[in-house]
Structure formats: structure tokens, C-alpha cells
């Protein structure tokens, strides 16, 4: 059932809904009518229970036990986060701690690790930092025969960076096919990323516009596939603070926490979740089953992209924890950390020109 817009709820229903959500996020426990009656609502417990029942029918609240109070559903949390939450900017102490950590000299790898650990410490969740695959602009691909049915594929970027991979060749491959395939790909690489060039080549091959013999065509297809597969493995995920998820409340829900820890071990899938926040202007929030990876563990992710001095996305930072997060505090904190990390990596001369992990 789709939840109603906030403007279709009565003032009384909105206020009770807000109190239930904030009470649950603060305590982790369902909120009962007696507790709400002490919040200055000027309503009897019976009237409050009636409103709670209406909110439950709308799918915004749920009662874990018959005699228990109410707690927000994932739908209710989404409605609250999108329409009612009043964010609280990081405190001066929190901002100072973030900037102090990121101002420390050292390799980029250390800065990313410290950022993840710092977010974990401040949020009592698992802190994550992702560095996506580098997408250099390319100039040339050469295929050099090595003998024994192998060839060396040499990829040259506009920045002068050179990478190479060894390819297995079909028996009897003529050296001219290597030259033809290399020339063909290079003509389409100029100024493009590998992904852009691969898409163009795929379209040309599919439309039969490519003037290649069968051997060269096979080399083109397999060569680009090798490079694309390798690039997909490049994103680096740094996770710190998983132990924070094993707090006192976890004892009551060990299976959920165990599932969450298993999810975090799937680094490629976690990286894919974070990557979906790359194009966001600020923090994105994924609540429970809104993301398939964390649907069973009922967990939430808050993630924000960080950018270089030219505004280009470098990577994504965030936190992972139970759906009972202090969203109002953590959303601006993740955003501030992302902005500070981008500034630090872009202008801190003590970092030099070191490589970001996963980039060659």
C-alpha cells in the first residue's frame, strides 16, 4: 500500500507519527500510547491508540507484539526522512575532528582509511569509503605477439600511463590480425574512456560497419572484454568499524546482525550500492529492502559522493548500520565528511601525487 502524502494526514496524525519515529530512533524500542500521552498531546490514550491504529493501517507503523507499542516500518521511515526530518549540522567538535584527521600528512591510502574509521567512530556504525574505477582518457592500444599463442596488449592513456595484459590467442593467429585489431581499436580510443570506446566498437561490430576479418574481429572483442572485466574489479572498498554493529541491542537480534556482517563481506556488491550514489548532489539514503543487498538484514546505508577541485566525482563515503539510525545527525555528517575529503585530496600538498588504491 502506498503511503499518503504528509499533507493528506491530519495535524494530529502527523504529530503522533513524528513522535513515534523519533522515539523509536532514539531508544530502539516501540513507542506506546502511554508514553505518547506524556508528550503534551492533550489527547487521551484511547484517542492516541485510534490514531496509531490508523497509521498502522496505512503501512507507516507496525506493532512487533500485540501488547507492544508501535515502531515505524521502512515505508514510514522513508516518509519521515523525506518529509519531516530536521537535520542537525555536525557540531563544532565533530567538524574539527573530521578536518583534523584529513589534514594529517601521508599517502592517500592512509587518508581514506582514516576517513572510514572516523565515520565509524562518530556514527557508531560501519564506516565505508569507496574509490571507483579510474576512467582515463585513452590514446592507443597495441597488440604485440609474444609467441606460444600469446600476445601483449599495451594500453596507453592521455596522461602517459601505460598498462598491459597478456592475451591468449587462437591457434594460427596471423601477426597481421594483431596489427589490424590494434589499429582499429586505437582509432576509436582517442579521447575516450575504455567504456566509451567499448560501446562504440560493440555498435560497429553489431552493425557490420567494421572492416575487419574474422581473426581481427575476434581479437577486438576478446581484448576489450579482458580490459572491461579487469576494470570492473578495480573499485576499492575500505570498511572500518564492523565491531560497532555488535552493540548491546544486537544481542536481541543476532541473526540480523550476522546477516548484515555477511552482507558487508561482499565488497563488490557493497561497492555497487555506494556507486549508485555517485551522481547525487548530496547524501543518499537507502533504507532496508530499498536495496536488495541489505534487505534481509534490514539495514540502512547513508552515502555521499566526494569530488575533486574540478567537481568530478572521485568516490563515495558513507555509513552502514541498522535502520534505527539517527538520520538527522548522520546525513549532514556524511555530507560534511565527503566535502572535507574532497578538499583534502585536492589541495593538500603533503599528499603529493600518490596513487589512489585500485588505480594504475
Protein backbone atom coordinates (compact mmCIF):
# COMPACT_ATOMS: atom_id res chain seq x y z
CA UNK A 1 0.00 0.00 0.00
CA UNK A 2 1.42 3.40 -0.95
CA UNK A 3 1.80 5.79 1.94
CA UNK A 4 -0.22 9.02 1.87
CA UNK A 5 1.50 12.36 1.32
CA UNK A 6 2.09 14.21 4.56
CA UNK A 7 -0.32 16.95 3.53
CA UNK A 8 -3.13 14.38 3.44
CA UNK A 9 -2.59 13.45 7.09
CA UNK A 10 -4.22 15.40 9.88
CA UNK A 11 -2.04 17.56 12.10
CA UNK A 12 -2.72 15.17 14.96
CA UNK A 13 -1.68 12.13 12.91
CA UNK A 14 1.49 13.84 11.70
CA UNK A 15 2.49 14.82 15.23
CA UNK A 16 1.88 11.34 16.66
CA UNK A 17 3.72 9.76 13.72
CA UNK A 18 6.68 12.09 14.29
CA UNK A 19 6.82 11.30 17.99
CA UNK A 20 6.72 7.56 17.36
CA UNK A 21 9.52 7.68 14.79
CA UNK A 22 11.75 9.97 16.84
CA UNK A 23 11.11 7.94 19.99
CA UNK A 24 11.97 4.71 18.20
CA UNK A 25 15.11 6.12 16.60
CA UNK A 26 16.23 7.40 19.99
CA UNK A 27 15.53 4.29 22.06
CA UNK A 28 15.26 1.43 19.61
CA UNK A 29 12.04 0.37 21.36
CA UNK A 30 8.39 0.54 20.21
CA UNK A 31 6.58 3.60 21.49
CA UNK A 32 3.29 3.08 23.36
CA UNK A 33 0.23 5.24 23.82
CA UNK A 34 1.05 5.91 27.47
CA UNK A 35 4.44 7.31 26.51
CA UNK A 36 2.84 9.48 23.84
CA UNK A 37 0.22 10.74 26.27
CA UNK A 38 3.02 12.26 28.32
CA UNK A 39 4.29 14.29 25.36
CA UNK A 40 1.79 17.11 25.79
CA UNK A 41 -0.62 15.98 23.07
CA UNK A 42 -3.74 16.77 25.13
CA UNK A 43 -5.25 13.51 23.93
CA UNK A 44 -6.47 10.53 25.88
CA UNK A 45 -4.62 7.20 25.49
CA UNK A 46 -7.72 5.87 23.72
CA UNK A 47 -7.61 8.68 21.13
CA UNK A 48 -3.90 8.13 20.65
CA UNK A 49 -4.43 4.39 20.16
CA UNK A 50 -7.03 5.15 17.50
CA UNK A 51 -4.57 7.33 15.57
CA UNK A 52 -1.86 4.69 15.95
CA UNK A 53 -4.21 2.08 14.51
CA UNK A 54 -4.93 4.35 11.53
CA UNK A 55 -1.20 4.86 10.91
CA UNK A 56 -0.68 1.11 11.11
CA UNK A 57 -3.39 0.50 8.51
CA UNK A 58 -1.61 3.00 6.24
CA UNK A 59 1.55 0.88 6.50
CA UNK A 60 3.54 3.58 8.30
CA UNK A 61 3.73 1.90 11.72
CA UNK A 62 3.87 -1.68 12.93
CA UNK A 63 3.40 -3.42 16.27
CA UNK A 64 6.01 -6.15 16.89
CA UNK A 65 3.75 -7.72 19.56
CA UNK A 66 0.06 -7.43 20.31
CA UNK A 67 0.59 -5.58 23.58
CA UNK A 68 3.61 -3.58 22.45
CA UNK A 69 3.75 -0.04 21.19
CA UNK A 70 4.38 0.96 17.59
CA UNK A 71 7.53 1.35 15.56
CA UNK A 72 7.97 2.76 12.05
CA UNK A 73 8.00 0.49 9.04
CA UNK A 74 10.53 1.03 6.25
CA UNK A 75 7.79 2.93 4.41
CA UNK A 76 7.24 5.08 7.49
CA UNK A 77 10.96 5.76 7.85
CA UNK A 78 11.17 6.83 4.22
CA UNK A 79 8.23 9.21 4.66
CA UNK A 80 9.80 10.66 7.78
CA UNK A 81 13.27 11.06 6.23
CA UNK A 82 11.96 12.66 3.05
CA UNK A 83 9.31 14.92 4.52
CA UNK A 84 9.67 15.53 8.25
CA UNK A 85 13.27 15.15 9.36
CA UNK A 86 15.01 18.25 10.65
CA UNK A 87 18.72 17.75 10.10
CA UNK A 88 21.25 18.80 12.73
CA UNK A 89 24.54 20.10 11.37
CA UNK A 90 27.70 18.47 12.76
CA UNK A 91 28.86 20.08 15.98
CA UNK A 92 31.96 22.24 16.06
CA UNK A 93 33.80 19.39 17.80
CA UNK A 94 32.75 16.88 15.14
CA UNK A 95 33.74 19.19 12.30
CA UNK A 96 37.10 19.85 13.94
CA UNK A 97 37.71 16.12 14.41
CA UNK A 98 36.93 15.38 10.76
CA UNK A 99 39.12 18.19 9.42
CA UNK A 100 41.95 17.36 11.83
CA UNK A 101 42.08 13.74 10.66
CA UNK A 102 42.02 14.68 6.99
CA UNK A 103 44.67 17.37 7.41
CA UNK A 104 47.26 14.84 8.57
CA UNK A 105 50.05 14.31 6.04
CA UNK A 106 50.59 10.94 4.45
CA UNK A 107 49.59 8.78 1.49
CA UNK A 108 46.09 8.95 0.05
CA UNK A 109 45.53 5.37 1.17
CA UNK A 110 46.00 6.46 4.80
CA UNK A 111 43.57 9.37 4.39
CA UNK A 112 40.88 7.08 3.04
CA UNK A 113 41.39 4.56 5.82
CA UNK A 114 41.25 7.26 8.48
CA UNK A 115 38.10 8.70 6.94
CA UNK A 116 36.36 5.33 7.12
CA UNK A 117 37.48 4.79 10.73
CA UNK A 118 36.45 8.31 11.71
CA UNK A 119 32.95 7.94 10.28
CA UNK A 120 32.62 4.65 12.11
CA UNK A 121 33.68 6.24 15.40
CA UNK A 122 31.36 9.24 15.07
CA UNK A 123 28.34 7.26 13.88
CA UNK A 124 28.73 4.00 15.87
CA UNK A 125 28.16 2.24 12.54
CA UNK A 126 30.46 0.71 9.97
CA UNK A 127 32.23 3.45 8.02
CA UNK A 128 32.87 2.88 4.31
CA UNK A 129 34.87 4.67 1.64
CA UNK A 130 34.81 3.62 -1.99
CA UNK A 131 37.23 4.59 -4.73
CA UNK A 132 35.61 3.77 -8.08
CA UNK A 133 37.42 2.53 -11.12
CA UNK A 134 39.60 5.15 -12.73
CA UNK A 135 38.38 6.19 -16.16
CA UNK A 136 41.40 7.57 -18.01
CA UNK A 137 41.15 9.01 -21.49
CA UNK A 138 42.97 6.70 -23.85
CA UNK A 139 45.15 7.16 -26.93
CA UNK A 140 46.43 3.81 -28.14
CA UNK A 141 46.19 0.04 -27.88
CA UNK A 142 48.99 -2.11 -29.30
CA UNK A 143 48.93 -5.89 -29.62
CA UNK A 144 52.42 -7.38 -29.61
CA UNK A 145 52.96 -11.12 -30.35
CA UNK A 146 54.84 -12.97 -27.60
CA UNK A 147 54.90 -16.44 -29.12
CA UNK A 148 53.42 -19.61 -27.64
CA UNK A 149 49.92 -18.47 -28.59
CA UNK A 150 50.02 -15.27 -26.54
CA UNK A 151 50.12 -11.53 -27.18
CA UNK A 152 50.80 -8.48 -25.03
CA UNK A 153 48.06 -5.83 -25.07
CA UNK A 154 49.53 -2.41 -24.22
CA UNK A 155 47.08 0.39 -23.35
CA UNK A 156 48.32 4.00 -23.30
CA UNK A 157 46.42 6.84 -21.61
CA UNK A 158 46.42 10.55 -22.42
CA UNK A 159 48.30 11.15 -19.17
CA UNK A 160 51.12 8.87 -20.33
CA UNK A 161 50.13 5.99 -18.06
CA UNK A 162 50.76 2.57 -19.58
CA UNK A 163 49.10 -0.71 -18.65
CA UNK A 164 49.45 -4.13 -20.19
CA UNK A 165 47.75 -7.50 -20.15
CA UNK A 166 48.63 -10.87 -21.66
CA UNK A 167 46.03 -12.36 -24.02
CA UNK A 168 45.74 -15.96 -25.18
CA UNK A 169 45.48 -16.21 -28.97
CA UNK A 170 43.59 -18.73 -31.08
CA UNK A 171 45.93 -21.25 -32.75
CA UNK A 172 47.40 -19.98 -36.02
CA UNK A 173 46.67 -16.28 -35.41
CA UNK A 174 48.49 -14.22 -38.03
CA UNK A 175 50.55 -11.23 -36.77
CA UNK A 176 48.72 -9.06 -39.30
CA UNK A 177 45.47 -9.71 -37.42
CA UNK A 178 47.09 -8.30 -34.28
CA UNK A 179 48.14 -5.17 -36.11
CA UNK A 180 44.75 -4.76 -37.74
CA UNK A 181 42.89 -5.19 -34.43
CA UNK A 182 45.23 -2.78 -32.61
CA UNK A 183 44.89 -0.10 -35.28
CA UNK A 184 41.12 -0.49 -35.33
CA UNK A 185 40.74 -0.10 -31.55
CA UNK A 186 43.25 2.77 -31.32
CA UNK A 187 41.33 4.73 -33.95
CA UNK A 188 38.28 4.55 -31.70
CA UNK A 189 40.03 5.04 -28.35
CA UNK A 190 41.33 8.55 -28.95
CA UNK A 191 39.95 10.85 -26.26
CA UNK A 192 37.51 8.24 -24.98
CA UNK A 193 37.39 6.16 -21.83
CA UNK A 194 37.58 2.40 -22.21
CA UNK A 195 33.84 2.11 -21.51
CA UNK A 196 33.01 4.69 -24.19
CA UNK A 197 35.31 3.05 -26.74
CA UNK A 198 33.96 -0.41 -25.96
CA UNK A 199 30.39 0.79 -26.52
CA UNK A 200 31.31 2.34 -29.88
CA UNK A 201 33.16 -0.78 -31.02
CA UNK A 202 30.29 -3.00 -29.94
CA UNK A 203 27.84 -0.95 -32.00
CA UNK A 204 30.09 -1.02 -35.07
CA UNK A 205 30.62 -4.75 -34.85
CA UNK A 206 26.91 -5.37 -34.40
CA UNK A 207 26.03 -3.23 -37.41
CA UNK A 208 28.75 -4.84 -39.58
CA UNK A 209 30.32 -1.43 -40.21
CA UNK A 210 33.71 -2.66 -39.03
CA UNK A 211 36.02 -3.64 -41.90
CA UNK A 212 37.77 -6.45 -40.05
CA UNK A 213 38.50 -10.03 -40.98
CA UNK A 214 37.26 -12.79 -38.65
CA UNK A 215 40.55 -13.16 -36.74
CA UNK A 216 40.94 -9.43 -36.08
CA UNK A 217 37.29 -9.13 -35.10
CA UNK A 218 37.72 -11.92 -32.55
CA UNK A 219 40.79 -10.20 -31.11
CA UNK A 220 38.94 -6.90 -30.79
CA UNK A 221 36.01 -8.48 -28.97
CA UNK A 222 38.12 -10.58 -26.62
CA UNK A 223 40.66 -7.84 -25.98
CA UNK A 224 38.07 -5.28 -24.94
CA UNK A 225 36.31 -7.91 -22.82
CA UNK A 226 39.53 -8.59 -20.89
CA UNK A 227 40.11 -4.89 -20.21
CA UNK A 228 36.49 -4.28 -19.23
CA UNK A 229 36.48 -7.25 -16.86
CA UNK A 230 39.65 -6.04 -15.24
CA UNK A 231 38.24 -2.53 -14.80
CA UNK A 232 35.17 -3.94 -13.07
CA UNK A 233 37.42 -5.37 -10.36
CA UNK A 234 39.17 -2.09 -9.68
CA UNK A 235 36.80 -0.35 -7.26
CA UNK A 236 38.37 -0.37 -3.81
CA UNK A 237 36.20 -0.54 -0.72
CA UNK A 238 37.59 0.38 2.69
CA UNK A 239 35.40 -0.67 5.62
CA UNK A 240 36.10 0.11 9.26
CA UNK A 241 34.17 -0.40 12.48
CA UNK A 242 32.14 -3.55 11.83
CA UNK A 243 32.50 -4.26 15.56
CA UNK A 244 30.29 -1.21 16.25
CA UNK A 245 27.38 -3.22 14.90
CA UNK A 246 27.75 -5.70 17.76
CA UNK A 247 26.36 -3.41 20.46
CA UNK A 248 24.10 -4.34 23.36
CA UNK A 249 20.97 -4.14 21.22
CA UNK A 250 22.48 -6.66 18.81
CA UNK A 251 22.10 -9.41 21.42
CA UNK A 252 18.35 -9.28 20.88
CA UNK A 253 18.71 -9.63 17.11
CA UNK A 254 21.85 -11.68 16.45
CA UNK A 255 20.54 -13.17 13.23
CA UNK A 256 20.01 -9.75 11.68
CA UNK A 257 23.47 -8.57 12.71
CA UNK A 258 25.05 -11.78 11.42
CA UNK A 259 23.28 -11.23 8.10
CA UNK A 260 24.50 -7.63 7.98
CA UNK A 261 28.11 -8.62 8.63
CA UNK A 262 27.84 -11.24 5.88
CA UNK A 263 26.49 -8.56 3.52
CA UNK A 264 29.41 -6.24 4.26
CA UNK A 265 31.85 -9.03 3.37
CA UNK A 266 30.50 -8.91 -0.20
CA UNK A 267 32.69 -5.98 -1.09
CA UNK A 268 31.83 -5.86 -4.79
CA UNK A 269 28.11 -5.71 -4.05
CA UNK A 270 28.59 -3.08 -1.35
CA UNK A 271 30.65 -1.06 -3.83
CA UNK A 272 27.77 -1.32 -6.30
CA UNK A 273 25.38 0.09 -3.67
CA UNK A 274 27.69 3.02 -3.00
CA UNK A 275 28.27 3.58 -6.71
CA UNK A 276 24.56 4.30 -7.13
CA UNK A 277 25.12 7.43 -5.02
CA UNK A 278 27.84 8.81 -7.31
CA UNK A 279 25.55 11.14 -9.23
CA UNK A 280 23.78 12.50 -6.15
CA UNK A 281 24.23 16.14 -5.19
CA UNK A 282 24.31 15.22 -1.50
CA UNK A 283 23.80 12.18 0.70
CA UNK A 284 21.52 9.38 -0.48
CA UNK A 285 19.72 7.16 1.99
CA UNK A 286 18.87 3.51 1.33
CA UNK A 287 16.51 2.04 3.93
CA UNK A 288 16.22 -1.72 4.37
CA UNK A 289 14.68 -3.52 1.42
CA UNK A 290 15.06 -0.46 -0.83
CA UNK A 291 18.37 -2.14 -1.63
CA UNK A 292 18.42 -5.88 -2.31
CA UNK A 293 21.79 -6.47 -0.68
CA UNK A 294 20.65 -5.28 2.74
CA UNK A 295 17.00 -6.36 2.52
CA UNK A 296 17.41 -9.46 4.72
CA UNK A 297 19.45 -7.72 7.40
CA UNK A 298 17.08 -4.74 7.48
CA UNK A 299 19.93 -2.27 7.33
CA UNK A 300 20.37 1.27 6.06
CA UNK A 301 23.10 2.99 4.08
CA UNK A 302 23.85 6.73 4.02
CA UNK A 303 26.28 7.60 1.23
CA UNK A 304 27.59 10.81 -0.30
CA UNK A 305 29.99 11.37 -3.25
CA UNK A 306 33.24 13.28 -2.79
CA UNK A 307 34.68 15.38 -5.60
CA UNK A 308 37.97 16.83 -6.75
CA UNK A 309 38.64 20.57 -7.21
CA UNK A 310 37.04 20.45 -10.67
CA UNK A 311 33.82 18.97 -9.31
CA UNK A 312 34.41 15.49 -10.72
CA UNK A 313 33.34 12.58 -8.52
CA UNK A 314 36.32 10.72 -7.06
CA UNK A 315 34.48 8.25 -4.88
CA UNK A 316 31.79 7.76 -2.24
CA UNK A 317 31.84 7.77 1.57
CA UNK A 318 29.15 6.55 3.90
CA UNK A 319 27.97 4.53 6.87
CA UNK A 320 26.14 1.21 7.15
CA UNK A 321 24.04 0.30 10.15
CA UNK A 322 20.60 -0.76 11.34
CA UNK A 323 17.52 1.08 10.08
CA UNK A 324 17.35 2.65 13.55
CA UNK A 325 19.89 5.34 12.72
CA UNK A 326 19.95 8.95 13.82
CA UNK A 327 19.39 10.10 10.23
CA UNK A 328 19.04 13.76 11.20
CA UNK A 329 22.57 13.74 12.64
CA UNK A 330 24.30 11.31 10.27
CA UNK A 331 23.13 12.66 6.90
CA UNK A 332 24.82 16.08 7.31
CA UNK A 333 27.84 14.42 8.94
CA UNK A 334 28.38 12.14 5.93
CA UNK A 335 27.94 15.11 3.59
CA UNK A 336 30.44 17.21 5.56
CA UNK A 337 32.95 14.34 5.57
CA UNK A 338 32.59 13.92 1.80
CA UNK A 339 33.19 17.63 1.22
CA UNK A 340 36.18 17.69 3.57
CA UNK A 341 37.71 14.57 1.99
CA UNK A 342 37.37 16.05 -1.49
CA UNK A 343 39.08 19.27 -0.39
CA UNK A 344 41.83 17.35 1.39
CA UNK A 345 42.67 15.10 -1.55
CA UNK A 346 42.51 18.02 -3.96
CA UNK A 347 44.69 20.61 -2.27
CA UNK A 348 46.79 19.01 0.48
CA UNK A 349 50.39 19.25 -0.84
CA UNK A 350 51.60 16.75 1.74
CA UNK A 351 49.81 14.01 -0.17
CA UNK A 352 51.82 14.56 -3.32
CA UNK A 353 50.66 12.72 -6.41
CA UNK A 354 50.30 9.27 -4.84
CA UNK A 355 48.02 6.72 -6.46
CA UNK A 356 44.56 6.14 -5.14
CA UNK A 357 44.18 2.41 -4.36
CA UNK A 358 42.88 0.46 -7.33
CA UNK A 359 44.18 2.89 -9.90
CA UNK A 360 47.14 2.06 -12.09
